[in-house]
Amino acid sequence: MQTPAEQYEQLVGEEDRVVFGIQTCEHCVKLLLDNLKHPGEAQKQDPNPEILKNIHEVEQLLRGEWLNIKIQKELLANQMKHNGDV
């Protein structure tokens, strides 16, 4: 069984992964929207709105996961503080 400190460190790694995913989604949306403003010579079609919606849905799922991680981290931090592990 993991100690609260080990669990906290694992959550930090998960949080890094989730935040990277959110940043990736934001970057993809920005690139697709920028493409609408400045279409290149080779790009004659607008991006499919469904692609943007799907990326947005993934981002929202990741943000929900991030919130859960932050809640778990706070609970563990309080537990460690109470136990004198901090």
Protein backbone atom coordinates (compact mmCIF):
# COMPACT_ATOMS: atom_id res chain seq x y z
CA MET A 1 0.00 0.00 0.00
CA GLN A 2 1.30 3.44 -0.93
CA THR A 3 1.90 6.14 1.64
CA PRO A 4 0.01 9.42 1.24
CA ALA A 5 3.24 11.06 0.06
CA GLU A 6 3.72 8.39 -2.62
CA GLN A 7 0.10 8.78 -3.70
CA TYR A 8 0.58 12.54 -3.88
CA GLU A 9 3.68 12.16 -6.07
CA GLN A 10 1.79 9.80 -8.37
CA LEU A 11 -0.98 12.38 -8.69
CA VAL A 12 1.59 15.03 -9.58
CA GLY A 13 2.69 12.85 -12.51
CA GLU A 14 -0.91 12.28 -13.57
CA GLU A 15 -1.59 16.01 -13.31
CA ASP A 16 1.38 16.75 -15.58
CA ARG A 17 -0.01 14.31 -18.18
CA VAL A 18 -3.52 15.81 -18.00
CA VAL A 19 -2.29 19.41 -18.21
CA PHE A 20 -0.17 18.50 -21.23
CA GLY A 21 -3.27 17.00 -22.86
CA ILE A 22 -5.27 20.17 -22.17
CA GLN A 23 -2.50 22.33 -23.61
CA THR A 24 -2.36 20.10 -26.68
CA CYS A 25 -6.11 20.44 -27.21
CA GLU A 26 -5.90 24.22 -26.84
CA HIS A 27 -3.03 24.35 -29.33
CA CYS A 28 -4.89 22.20 -31.87
CA VAL A 29 -8.01 24.36 -31.65
CA LYS A 30 -5.91 27.50 -32.07
CA LEU A 31 -4.19 26.07 -35.14
CA LEU A 32 -7.48 25.04 -36.72
CA LEU A 33 -9.08 28.41 -36.02
CA ASP A 34 -6.00 30.26 -37.31
CA ASN A 35 -6.30 28.20 -40.47
CA LEU A 36 -9.79 29.61 -40.95
CA LYS A 37 -8.41 33.16 -40.75
CA HIS A 38 -5.40 32.57 -42.98
CA PRO A 39 -5.97 29.63 -45.29
CA GLY A 40 -2.83 28.51 -47.07
CA GLU A 41 -2.53 27.87 -50.79
CA ALA A 42 -2.59 24.12 -50.31
CA GLN A 43 -5.52 24.25 -47.88
CA LYS A 44 -8.72 24.88 -49.83
CA GLN A 45 -11.20 23.43 -47.31
CA ASP A 46 -12.23 24.70 -43.91
CA PRO A 47 -11.64 22.29 -41.03
CA ASN A 48 -14.61 20.14 -40.25
CA PRO A 49 -16.52 21.69 -37.32
CA GLU A 50 -16.91 18.18 -35.89
CA ILE A 51 -13.15 17.99 -35.42
CA LEU A 52 -13.20 21.17 -33.36
CA LYS A 53 -16.15 19.88 -31.32
CA ASN A 54 -14.40 16.56 -30.68
CA ILE A 55 -11.21 18.29 -29.54
CA HIS A 56 -13.30 20.51 -27.25
CA GLU A 57 -15.02 17.45 -25.75
CA VAL A 58 -11.66 15.79 -25.07
CA GLU A 59 -10.43 19.01 -23.45
CA GLN A 60 -13.51 19.16 -21.21
CA LEU A 61 -13.00 15.54 -20.13
CA LEU A 62 -9.39 16.30 -19.29
CA ARG A 63 -10.41 19.39 -17.31
CA GLY A 64 -12.81 17.23 -15.28
CA GLU A 65 -10.02 14.74 -14.66
CA TRP A 66 -7.72 17.61 -13.64
CA LEU A 67 -10.28 18.87 -11.13
CA ASN A 68 -10.53 15.40 -9.59
CA ILE A 69 -6.74 15.20 -9.33
CA LYS A 70 -6.58 18.60 -7.64
CA ILE A 71 -9.23 17.51 -5.14
CA GLN A 72 -7.37 14.28 -4.38
CA LYS A 73 -4.08 16.16 -3.99
CA GLU A 74 -5.65 18.61 -1.55
CA LEU A 75 -7.14 15.79 0.52
CA LEU A 76 -3.80 14.00 0.62
CA ALA A 77 -1.96 17.21 1.53
CA ASN A 78 -4.36 17.74 4.44
CA GLN A 79 -3.92 14.12 5.52
CA MET A 80 -0.12 14.43 5.39
CA LYS A 81 -0.25 17.70 7.33
CA HIS A 82 -2.49 16.11 9.96
CA ASN A 83 -0.16 13.10 10.23
CA GLY A 84 2.92 15.31 10.41
CA ASP A 85 4.30 13.96 7.11
CA VAL A 86 4.83 17.45 5.70
